[in-house]
Amino acid sequence: KDFVHSDALKAQKEQGVARKLVGFEMVDRGIPRHDHPIVDAGGNVIGRVTSGTQSPSLNKAIGMGYVPTDRAAEGTELLIDVRGRHLKARVVKLPFLKS
């Protein structure tokens, strides 16, 4: 059935999505915040943090953000730009749970 923007959704279904929402935990010390850039090793913006905080129950900084699908696998290292510093983070499985 056709509706507004149905062509775009059909194309996305056929080709797959370009970005995925992932959870990450910070490896380096720092707290990611909404709209902080997610960058590659060259400093190029590849995504954005959608939310981030210091988790008192996990005792670490965590966040979520959109990244290219090739960077969305669990364990993938990301860099989060926090006030001009590129801090290491690691993609983790959602939901955030204590292991």
PDB file of N, CA and C in Angstrom:
ATOM      1  N   LYS A   1       0.846  -1.175   0.000  1.00  0.00           N
ATOM      2  CA  LYS A   1       0.000   0.000   0.000  1.00  0.00           C
ATOM      3  C   LYS A   1       0.893   1.239   0.000  1.00  0.00           C
ATOM      4  N   ASP A   2       0.550   2.211  -0.821  1.00  0.00           N
ATOM      5  CA  ASP A   2       1.336   3.445  -0.896  1.00  0.00           C
ATOM      6  C   ASP A   2       0.833   4.480   0.101  1.00  0.00           C
ATOM      7  N   PHE A   3       1.758   5.229   0.639  1.00  0.00           N
ATOM      8  CA  PHE A   3       1.465   6.322   1.555  1.00  0.00           C
ATOM      9  C   PHE A   3       2.619   7.301   1.460  1.00  0.00           C
ATOM     10  N   VAL A   4       2.523   8.412   2.162  1.00  0.00           N
ATOM     11  CA  VAL A   4       3.567   9.427   2.114  1.00  0.00           C
ATOM     12  C   VAL A   4       4.895   8.802   2.560  1.00  0.00           C
ATOM     13  N   HIS A   5       5.926   8.978   1.762  1.00  0.00           N
ATOM     14  CA  HIS A   5       7.286   8.478   2.028  1.00  0.00           C
ATOM     15  C   HIS A   5       7.406   6.954   1.967  1.00  0.00           C
ATOM     16  N   SER A   6       6.428   6.273   1.390  1.00  0.00           N
ATOM     17  CA  SER A   6       6.527   4.813   1.290  1.00  0.00           C
ATOM     18  C   SER A   6       7.706   4.394   0.416  1.00  0.00           C
ATOM     19  N   ASP A   7       8.057   5.204  -0.593  1.00  0.00           N
ATOM     20  CA  ASP A   7       9.205   4.886  -1.449  1.00  0.00           C
ATOM     21  C   ASP A   7      10.500   4.829  -0.641  1.00  0.00           C
ATOM     22  N   ALA A   8      10.656   5.785   0.264  1.00  0.00           N
ATOM     23  CA  ALA A   8      11.869   5.820   1.088  1.00  0.00           C
ATOM     24  C   ALA A   8      11.945   4.590   1.988  1.00  0.00           C
ATOM     25  N   LEU A   9      10.827   4.192   2.566  1.00  0.00           N
ATOM     26  CA  LEU A   9      10.823   3.016   3.434  1.00  0.00           C
ATOM     27  C   LEU A   9      11.064   1.733   2.649  1.00  0.00           C
ATOM     28  N   LYS A  10      10.515   1.651   1.448  1.00  0.00           N
ATOM     29  CA  LYS A  10      10.754   0.476   0.601  1.00  0.00           C
ATOM     30  C   LYS A  10      12.236   0.378   0.230  1.00  0.00           C
ATOM     31  N   ALA A  11      12.843   1.511  -0.117  1.00  0.00           N
ATOM     32  CA  ALA A  11      14.271   1.527  -0.464  1.00  0.00           C
ATOM     33  C   ALA A  11      15.117   1.117   0.735  1.00  0.00           C
ATOM     34  N   GLN A  12      14.757   1.612   1.908  1.00  0.00           N
ATOM     35  CA  GLN A  12      15.502   1.268   3.121  1.00  0.00           C
ATOM     36  C   GLN A  12      15.379  -0.224   3.424  1.00  0.00           C
ATOM     37  N   LYS A  13      14.203  -0.776   3.198  1.00  0.00           N
ATOM     38  CA  LYS A  13      14.006  -2.206   3.436  1.00  0.00           C
ATOM     39  C   LYS A  13      14.852  -3.040   2.478  1.00  0.00           C
ATOM     40  N   GLU A  14      14.945  -2.611   1.232  1.00  0.00           N
ATOM     41  CA  GLU A  14      15.721  -3.339   0.226  1.00  0.00           C
ATOM     42  C   GLU A  14      17.230  -3.191   0.441  1.00  0.00           C
ATOM     43  N   GLN A  15      17.686  -1.978   0.749  1.00  0.00           N
ATOM     44  CA  GLN A  15      19.116  -1.685   0.831  1.00  0.00           C
ATOM     45  C   GLN A  15      19.684  -1.828   2.237  1.00  0.00           C
ATOM     46  N   GLY A  16      18.835  -1.830   3.236  1.00  0.00           N
ATOM     47  CA  GLY A  16      19.287  -1.858   4.618  1.00  0.00           C
ATOM     48  C   GLY A  16      19.509  -0.445   5.137  1.00  0.00           C
ATOM     49  N   VAL A  17      19.623  -0.325   6.439  1.00  0.00           N
ATOM     50  CA  VAL A  17      19.810   0.986   7.051  1.00  0.00           C
ATOM     51  C   VAL A  17      21.277   1.389   7.000  1.00  0.00           C
ATOM     52  N   ALA A  18      21.528   2.684   7.003  1.00  0.00           N
ATOM     53  CA  ALA A  18      22.903   3.195   6.949  1.00  0.00           C
ATOM     54  C   ALA A  18      23.496   3.358   8.349  1.00  0.00           C
ATOM     55  N   ARG A  19      22.617   3.602   9.341  1.00  0.00           N
ATOM     56  CA  ARG A  19      23.089   3.835  10.711  1.00  0.00           C
ATOM     57  C   ARG A  19      22.288   2.981  11.685  1.00  0.00           C
ATOM     58  N   LYS A  20      22.914   2.686  12.823  1.00  0.00           N
ATOM     59  CA  LYS A  20      22.243   1.925  13.871  1.00  0.00           C
ATOM     60  C   LYS A  20      22.438   2.623  15.206  1.00  0.00           C
ATOM     61  N   LEU A  21      21.437   2.475  16.062  1.00  0.00           N
ATOM     62  CA  LEU A  21      21.535   2.980  17.422  1.00  0.00           C
ATOM     63  C   LEU A  21      22.258   1.934  18.260  1.00  0.00           C
ATOM     64  N   VAL A  22      23.346   2.340  18.910  1.00  0.00           N
ATOM     65  CA  VAL A  22      24.135   1.418  19.731  1.00  0.00           C
ATOM     66  C   VAL A  22      24.290   1.966  21.140  1.00  0.00           C
ATOM     67  N   GLY A  23      24.546   1.066  22.065  1.00  0.00           N
ATOM     68  CA  GLY A  23      24.934   1.452  23.409  1.00  0.00           C
ATOM     69  C   GLY A  23      26.446   1.366  23.506  1.00  0.00           C
ATOM     70  N   PHE A  24      27.028   2.222  24.318  1.00  0.00           N
ATOM     71  CA  PHE A  24      28.481   2.162  24.512  1.00  0.00           C
ATOM     72  C   PHE A  24      28.827   2.503  25.945  1.00  0.00           C
ATOM     73  N   GLU A  25      29.973   1.983  26.382  1.00  0.00           N
ATOM     74  CA  GLU A  25      30.514   2.353  27.688  1.00  0.00           C
ATOM     75  C   GLU A  25      31.853   3.025  27.454  1.00  0.00           C
ATOM     76  N   MET A  26      32.136   4.013  28.262  1.00  0.00           N
ATOM     77  CA  MET A  26      33.380   4.749  28.122  1.00  0.00           C
ATOM     78  C   MET A  26      34.541   3.914  28.661  1.00  0.00           C
ATOM     79  N   VAL A  27      35.624   3.878  27.904  1.00  0.00           N
ATOM     80  CA  VAL A  27      36.866   3.239  28.336  1.00  0.00           C
ATOM     81  C   VAL A  27      37.719   4.294  29.036  1.00  0.00           C
ATOM     82  N   ASP A  28      37.819   5.467  28.413  1.00  0.00           N
ATOM     83  CA  ASP A  28      38.533   6.596  29.016  1.00  0.00           C
ATOM     84  C   ASP A  28      37.598   7.341  29.967  1.00  0.00           C
ATOM     85  N   ARG A  29      38.199   8.100  30.864  1.00  0.00           N
ATOM     86  CA  ARG A  29      37.425   8.870  31.838  1.00  0.00           C
ATOM     87  C   ARG A  29      36.784  10.079  31.163  1.00  0.00           C
ATOM     88  N   GLY A  30      35.482  10.201  31.295  1.00  0.00           N
ATOM     89  CA  GLY A  30      34.727  11.302  30.720  1.00  0.00           C
ATOM     90  C   GLY A  30      33.280  10.890  30.570  1.00  0.00           C
ATOM     91  N   ILE A  31      32.388  11.867  30.568  1.00  0.00           N
ATOM     92  CA  ILE A  31      30.959  11.582  30.466  1.00  0.00           C
ATOM     93  C   ILE A  31      30.431  12.098  29.137  1.00  0.00           C
ATOM     94  N   PRO A  32      29.901  11.203  28.298  1.00  0.00           N
ATOM     95  CA  PRO A  32      29.325  11.639  27.025  1.00  0.00           C
ATOM     96  C   PRO A  32      27.991  12.329  27.272  1.00  0.00           C
ATOM     97  N   ARG A  33      27.695  13.336  26.487  1.00  0.00           N
ATOM     98  CA  ARG A  33      26.424  14.059  26.618  1.00  0.00           C
ATOM     99  C   ARG A  33      25.737  14.137  25.265  1.00  0.00           C
ATOM    100  N   HIS A  34      24.455  14.443  25.307  1.00  0.00           N
ATOM    101  CA  HIS A  34      23.639  14.570  24.094  1.00  0.00           C
ATOM    102  C   HIS A  34      24.326  15.458  23.064  1.00  0.00           C
ATOM    103  N   ASP A  35      24.369  14.981  21.837  1.00  0.00           N
ATOM    104  CA  ASP A  35      24.881  15.690  20.667  1.00  0.00           C
ATOM    105  C   ASP A  35      26.405  15.766  20.590  1.00  0.00           C
ATOM    106  N   HIS A  36      27.126  15.126  21.510  1.00  0.00           N
ATOM    107  CA  HIS A  36      28.580  15.051  21.342  1.00  0.00           C
ATOM    108  C   HIS A  36      28.866  14.235  20.088  1.00  0.00           C
ATOM    109  N   PRO A  37      29.845  14.647  19.278  1.00  0.00           N
ATOM    110  CA  PRO A  37      30.184  13.890  18.071  1.00  0.00           C
ATOM    111  C   PRO A  37      30.845  12.551  18.401  1.00  0.00           C
ATOM    112  N   ILE A  38      30.531  11.557  17.598  1.00  0.00           N
ATOM    113  CA  ILE A  38      31.255  10.288  17.594  1.00  0.00           C
ATOM    114  C   ILE A  38      32.160  10.373  16.371  1.00  0.00           C
ATOM    115  N   VAL A  39      33.467  10.186  16.570  1.00  0.00           N
ATOM    116  CA  VAL A  39      34.428  10.422  15.490  1.00  0.00           C
ATOM    117  C   VAL A  39      35.248   9.167  15.201  1.00  0.00           C
ATOM    118  N   ASP A  40      35.851   9.137  13.998  1.00  0.00           N
ATOM    119  CA  ASP A  40      36.770   8.050  13.654  1.00  0.00           C
ATOM    120  C   ASP A  40      38.185   8.462  14.043  1.00  0.00           C
ATOM    121  N   ALA A  41      39.154   7.609  13.785  1.00  0.00           N
ATOM    122  CA  ALA A  41      40.544   7.873  14.170  1.00  0.00           C
ATOM    123  C   ALA A  41      41.100   9.134  13.519  1.00  0.00           C
ATOM    124  N   GLY A  42      40.556   9.525  12.368  1.00  0.00           N
ATOM    125  CA  GLY A  42      40.999  10.738  11.684  1.00  0.00           C
ATOM    126  C   GLY A  42      40.298  11.996  12.156  1.00  0.00           C
ATOM    127  N   GLY A  43      39.376  11.858  13.123  1.00  0.00           N
ATOM    128  CA  GLY A  43      38.652  13.013  13.640  1.00  0.00           C
ATOM    129  C   GLY A  43      37.412  13.372  12.844  1.00  0.00           C
ATOM    130  N   ASN A  44      37.046  12.533  11.862  1.00  0.00           N
ATOM    131  CA  ASN A  44      35.845  12.784  11.060  1.00  0.00           C
ATOM    132  C   ASN A  44      34.603  12.341  11.825  1.00  0.00           C
ATOM    133  N   VAL A  45      33.574  13.179  11.837  1.00  0.00           N
ATOM    134  CA  VAL A  45      32.336  12.852  12.541  1.00  0.00           C
ATOM    135  C   VAL A  45      31.629  11.712  11.807  1.00  0.00           C
ATOM    136  N   ILE A  46      31.348  10.625  12.544  1.00  0.00           N
ATOM    137  CA  ILE A  46      30.644   9.479  11.960  1.00  0.00           C
ATOM    138  C   ILE A  46      29.287   9.257  12.614  1.00  0.00           C
ATOM    139  N   GLY A  47      28.995  10.005  13.689  1.00  0.00           N
ATOM    140  CA  GLY A  47      27.725   9.840  14.381  1.00  0.00           C
ATOM    141  C   GLY A  47      27.565  10.867  15.479  1.00  0.00           C
ATOM    142  N   ARG A  48      26.482  10.716  16.243  1.00  0.00           N
ATOM    143  CA  ARG A  48      26.174  11.631  17.341  1.00  0.00           C
ATOM    144  C   ARG A  48      25.667  10.852  18.545  1.00  0.00           C
ATOM    145  N   VAL A  49      26.030  11.317  19.719  1.00  0.00           N
ATOM    146  CA  VAL A  49      25.507  10.751  20.958  1.00  0.00           C
ATOM    147  C   VAL A  49      24.064  11.225  21.110  1.00  0.00           C
ATOM    148  N   THR A  50      23.154  10.287  21.392  1.00  0.00           N
ATOM    149  CA  THR A  50      21.760  10.667  21.625  1.00  0.00           C
ATOM    150  C   THR A  50      21.485  10.864  23.108  1.00  0.00           C
ATOM    151  N   SER A  51      22.218  10.140  23.957  1.00  0.00           N
ATOM    152  CA  SER A  51      22.101  10.327  25.402  1.00  0.00           C
ATOM    153  C   SER A  51      23.331   9.731  26.069  1.00  0.00           C
ATOM    154  N   GLY A  52      23.690  10.280  27.213  1.00  0.00           N
ATOM    155  CA  GLY A  52      24.841   9.776  27.941  1.00  0.00           C
ATOM    156  C   GLY A  52      24.818  10.260  29.375  1.00  0.00           C
ATOM    157  N   THR A  53      25.413   9.478  30.269  1.00  0.00           N
ATOM    158  CA  THR A  53      25.421   9.821  31.681  1.00  0.00           C
ATOM    159  C   THR A  53      26.447   8.966  32.421  1.00  0.00           C
ATOM    160  N   GLN A  54      26.649   9.278  33.683  1.00  0.00           N
ATOM    161  CA  GLN A  54      27.426   8.426  34.578  1.00  0.00           C
ATOM    162  C   GLN A  54      26.428   7.502  35.260  1.00  0.00           C
ATOM    163  N   SER A  55      26.601   6.203  35.114  1.00  0.00           N
ATOM    164  CA  SER A  55      25.680   5.239  35.712  1.00  0.00           C
ATOM    165  C   SER A  55      26.140   4.866  37.114  1.00  0.00           C
ATOM    166  N   PRO A  56      25.353   5.202  38.139  1.00  0.00           N
ATOM    167  CA  PRO A  56      25.754   4.838  39.497  1.00  0.00           C
ATOM    168  C   PRO A  56      25.692   3.327  39.745  1.00  0.00           C
ATOM    169  N   SER A  57      24.774   2.622  39.085  1.00  0.00           N
ATOM    170  CA  SER A  57      24.671   1.177  39.312  1.00  0.00           C
ATOM    171  C   SER A  57      25.769   0.402  38.584  1.00  0.00           C
ATOM    172  N   LEU A  58      26.216   0.899  37.426  1.00  0.00           N
ATOM    173  CA  LEU A  58      27.298   0.241  36.690  1.00  0.00           C
ATOM    174  C   LEU A  58      28.664   0.807  37.054  1.00  0.00           C
ATOM    175  N   ASN A  59      28.665   1.962  37.711  1.00  0.00           N
ATOM    176  CA  ASN A  59      29.883   2.655  38.121  1.00  0.00           C
ATOM    177  C   ASN A  59      30.783   2.986  36.929  1.00  0.00           C
ATOM    178  N   LYS A  60      30.155   3.411  35.826  1.00  0.00           N
ATOM    179  CA  LYS A  60      30.904   3.839  34.646  1.00  0.00           C
ATOM    180  C   LYS A  60      30.026   4.755  33.813  1.00  0.00           C
ATOM    181  N   ALA A  61      30.659   5.492  32.916  1.00  0.00           N
ATOM    182  CA  ALA A  61      29.925   6.368  32.007  1.00  0.00           C
ATOM    183  C   ALA A  61      29.413   5.530  30.840  1.00  0.00           C
ATOM    184  N   ILE A  62      28.150   5.755  30.477  1.00  0.00           N
ATOM    185  CA  ILE A  62      27.519   5.019  29.386  1.00  0.00           C
ATOM    186  C   ILE A  62      26.797   5.992  28.472  1.00  0.00           C
ATOM    187  N   GLY A  63      26.447   5.521  27.290  1.00  0.00           N
ATOM    188  CA  GLY A  63      25.695   6.364  26.374  1.00  0.00           C
ATOM    189  C   GLY A  63      25.118   5.553  25.233  1.00  0.00           C
ATOM    190  N   MET A  64      24.356   6.249  24.410  1.00  0.00           N
ATOM    191  CA  MET A  64      23.790   5.670  23.202  1.00  0.00           C
ATOM    192  C   MET A  64      23.993   6.663  22.078  1.00  0.00           C
ATOM    193  N   GLY A  65      24.102   6.154  20.859  1.00  0.00           N
ATOM    194  CA  GLY A  65      24.271   7.041  19.723  1.00  0.00           C
ATOM    195  C   GLY A  65      24.122   6.292  18.416  1.00  0.00           C
ATOM    196  N   TYR A  66      23.988   7.050  17.345  1.00  0.00           N
ATOM    197  CA  TYR A  66      23.882   6.475  16.006  1.00  0.00           C
ATOM    198  C   TYR A  66      25.254   6.428  15.353  1.00  0.00           C
ATOM    199  N   VAL A  67      25.598   5.260  14.810  1.00  0.00           N
ATOM    200  CA  VAL A  67      26.864   5.066  14.101  1.00  0.00           C
ATOM    201  C   VAL A  67      26.591   4.303  12.801  1.00  0.00           C
ATOM    202  N   PRO A  68      27.517   4.361  11.834  1.00  0.00           N
ATOM    203  CA  PRO A  68      27.359   3.551  10.621  1.00  0.00           C
ATOM    204  C   PRO A  68      27.250   2.065  10.992  1.00  0.00           C
ATOM    205  N   THR A  69      26.503   1.308  10.212  1.00  0.00           N
ATOM    206  CA  THR A  69      26.272  -0.104  10.535  1.00  0.00           C
ATOM    207  C   THR A  69      27.571  -0.903  10.646  1.00  0.00           C
ATOM    208  N   ASP A  70      28.609  -0.510   9.917  1.00  0.00           N
ATOM    209  CA  ASP A  70      29.878  -1.247  10.008  1.00  0.00           C
ATOM    210  C   ASP A  70      30.638  -0.965  11.301  1.00  0.00           C
ATOM    211  N   ARG A  71      30.149  -0.035  12.108  1.00  0.00           N
ATOM    212  CA  ARG A  71      30.779   0.281  13.408  1.00  0.00           C
ATOM    213  C   ARG A  71      29.871  -0.113  14.576  1.00  0.00           C
ATOM    214  N   ALA A  72      28.805  -0.881  14.303  1.00  0.00           N
ATOM    215  CA  ALA A  72      27.790  -1.151  15.315  1.00  0.00           C
ATOM    216  C   ALA A  72      27.959  -2.482  16.043  1.00  0.00           C
ATOM    217  N   ALA A  73      28.951  -3.280  15.682  1.00  0.00           N
ATOM    218  CA  ALA A  73      29.124  -4.593  16.313  1.00  0.00           C
ATOM    219  C   ALA A  73      29.604  -4.449  17.753  1.00  0.00           C
ATOM    220  N   GLU A  74      29.111  -5.332  18.609  1.00  0.00           N
ATOM    221  CA  GLU A  74      29.522  -5.338  20.008  1.00  0.00           C
ATOM    222  C   GLU A  74      31.039  -5.480  20.094  1.00  0.00           C
ATOM    223  N   GLY A  75      31.670  -4.645  20.924  1.00  0.00           N
ATOM    224  CA  GLY A  75      33.118  -4.671  21.098  1.00  0.00           C
ATOM    225  C   GLY A  75      33.870  -3.679  20.229  1.00  0.00           C
ATOM    226  N   THR A  76      33.191  -3.081  19.247  1.00  0.00           N
ATOM    227  CA  THR A  76      33.838  -2.103  18.369  1.00  0.00           C
ATOM    228  C   THR A  76      34.255  -0.877  19.170  1.00  0.00           C
ATOM    229  N   GLU A  77      35.470  -0.406  18.936  1.00  0.00           N
ATOM    230  CA  GLU A  77      35.948   0.792  19.622  1.00  0.00           C
ATOM    231  C   GLU A  77      35.463   2.038  18.890  1.00  0.00           C
ATOM    232  N   LEU A  78      34.965   2.997  19.655  1.00  0.00           N
ATOM    233  CA  LEU A  78      34.533   4.291  19.134  1.00  0.00           C
ATOM    234  C   LEU A  78      35.325   5.382  19.831  1.00  0.00           C
ATOM    235  N   LEU A  79      35.316   6.566  19.260  1.00  0.00           N
ATOM    236  CA  LEU A  79      35.886   7.747  19.905  1.00  0.00           C
ATOM    237  C   LEU A  79      34.773   8.772  20.065  1.00  0.00           C
ATOM    238  N   ILE A  80      34.609   9.273  21.287  1.00  0.00           N
ATOM    239  CA  ILE A  80      33.600  10.284  21.574  1.00  0.00           C
ATOM    240  C   ILE A  80      34.320  11.600  21.815  1.00  0.00           C
ATOM    241  N   ASP A  81      33.898  12.636  21.101  1.00  0.00           N
ATOM    242  CA  ASP A  81      34.489  13.963  21.269  1.00  0.00           C
ATOM    243  C   ASP A  81      33.818  14.640  22.462  1.00  0.00           C
ATOM    244  N   VAL A  82      34.540  14.673  23.580  1.00  0.00           N
ATOM    245  CA  VAL A  82      34.042  15.314  24.801  1.00  0.00           C
ATOM    246  C   VAL A  82      34.882  16.553  25.045  1.00  0.00           C
ATOM    247  N   ARG A  83      34.306  17.703  24.761  1.00  0.00           N
ATOM    248  CA  ARG A  83      34.987  18.995  24.938  1.00  0.00           C
ATOM    249  C   ARG A  83      36.333  19.042  24.226  1.00  0.00           C
ATOM    250  N   GLY A  84      36.360  18.542  22.992  1.00  0.00           N
ATOM    251  CA  GLY A  84      37.571  18.613  22.184  1.00  0.00           C
ATOM    252  C   GLY A  84      38.559  17.477  22.388  1.00  0.00           C
ATOM    253  N   ARG A  85      38.289  16.605  23.344  1.00  0.00           N
ATOM    254  CA  ARG A  85      39.157  15.441  23.572  1.00  0.00           C
ATOM    255  C   ARG A  85      38.476  14.199  23.010  1.00  0.00           C
ATOM    256  N   HIS A  86      39.215  13.386  22.274  1.00  0.00           N
ATOM    257  CA  HIS A  86      38.668  12.159  21.705  1.00  0.00           C
ATOM    258  C   HIS A  86      38.893  11.020  22.694  1.00  0.00           C
ATOM    259  N   LEU A  87      37.809  10.617  23.358  1.00  0.00           N
ATOM    260  CA  LEU A  87      37.886   9.603  24.402  1.00  0.00           C
ATOM    261  C   LEU A  87      37.391   8.257  23.882  1.00  0.00           C
ATOM    262  N   LYS A  88      38.073   7.187  24.285  1.00  0.00           N
ATOM    263  CA  LYS A  88      37.721   5.842  23.829  1.00  0.00           C
ATOM    264  C   LYS A  88      36.449   5.346  24.509  1.00  0.00           C
ATOM    265  N   ALA A  89      35.632   4.664  23.686  1.00  0.00           N
ATOM    266  CA  ALA A  89      34.426   3.999  24.167  1.00  0.00           C
ATOM    267  C   ALA A  89      34.322   2.664  23.440  1.00  0.00           C
ATOM    268  N   ARG A  90      33.497   1.762  23.973  1.00  0.00           N
ATOM    269  CA  ARG A  90      33.324   0.437  23.372  1.00  0.00           C
ATOM    270  C   ARG A  90      31.833   0.148  23.234  1.00  0.00           C
ATOM    271  N   VAL A  91      31.435  -0.357  22.051  1.00  0.00           N
ATOM    272  CA  VAL A  91      30.040  -0.724  21.818  1.00  0.00           C
ATOM    273  C   VAL A  91      29.696  -1.929  22.697  1.00  0.00           C
ATOM    274  N   VAL A  92      28.562  -1.836  23.398  1.00  0.00           N
ATOM    275  CA  VAL A  92      28.100  -2.917  24.269  1.00  0.00           C
ATOM    276  C   VAL A  92      26.667  -3.292  23.908  1.00  0.00           C
ATOM    277  N   LYS A  93      26.272  -4.450  24.360  1.00  0.00           N
ATOM    278  CA  LYS A  93      24.922  -4.944  24.122  1.00  0.00           C
ATOM    279  C   LYS A  93      23.931  -4.174  24.992  1.00  0.00           C
ATOM    280  N   LEU A  94      22.784  -3.861  24.422  1.00  0.00           N
ATOM    281  CA  LEU A  94      21.702  -3.234  25.172  1.00  0.00           C
ATOM    282  C   LEU A  94      20.735  -4.318  25.632  1.00  0.00           C
ATOM    283  N   PRO A  95      20.056  -4.141  26.741  1.00  0.00           N
ATOM    284  CA  PRO A  95      20.127  -3.012  27.654  1.00  0.00           C
ATOM    285  C   PRO A  95      21.396  -3.076  28.509  1.00  0.00           C
ATOM    286  N   PHE A  96      21.721  -1.943  29.113  1.00  0.00           N
ATOM    287  CA  PHE A  96      22.883  -1.875  29.990  1.00  0.00           C
ATOM    288  C   PHE A  96      22.562  -2.668  31.259  1.00  0.00           C
ATOM    289  N   LEU A  97      23.313  -3.725  31.491  1.00  0.00           N
ATOM    290  CA  LEU A  97      23.108  -4.540  32.687  1.00  0.00           C
ATOM    291  C   LEU A  97      24.444  -4.835  33.336  1.00  0.00           C
ATOM    292  N   LYS A  98      24.405  -4.998  34.651  1.00  0.00           N
ATOM    293  CA  LYS A  98      25.610  -5.394  35.377  1.00  0.00           C
ATOM    294  C   LYS A  98      25.928  -6.833  35.030  1.00  0.00           C
ATOM    295  N   SER A  99      27.194  -7.117  34.729  1.00  0.00           N
ATOM    296  CA  SER A  99      27.545  -8.510  34.391  1.00  0.00           C
ATOM    297  C   SER A  99      28.136  -9.251  35.561  1.00  0.00           C
TER     298      SER A  99
END
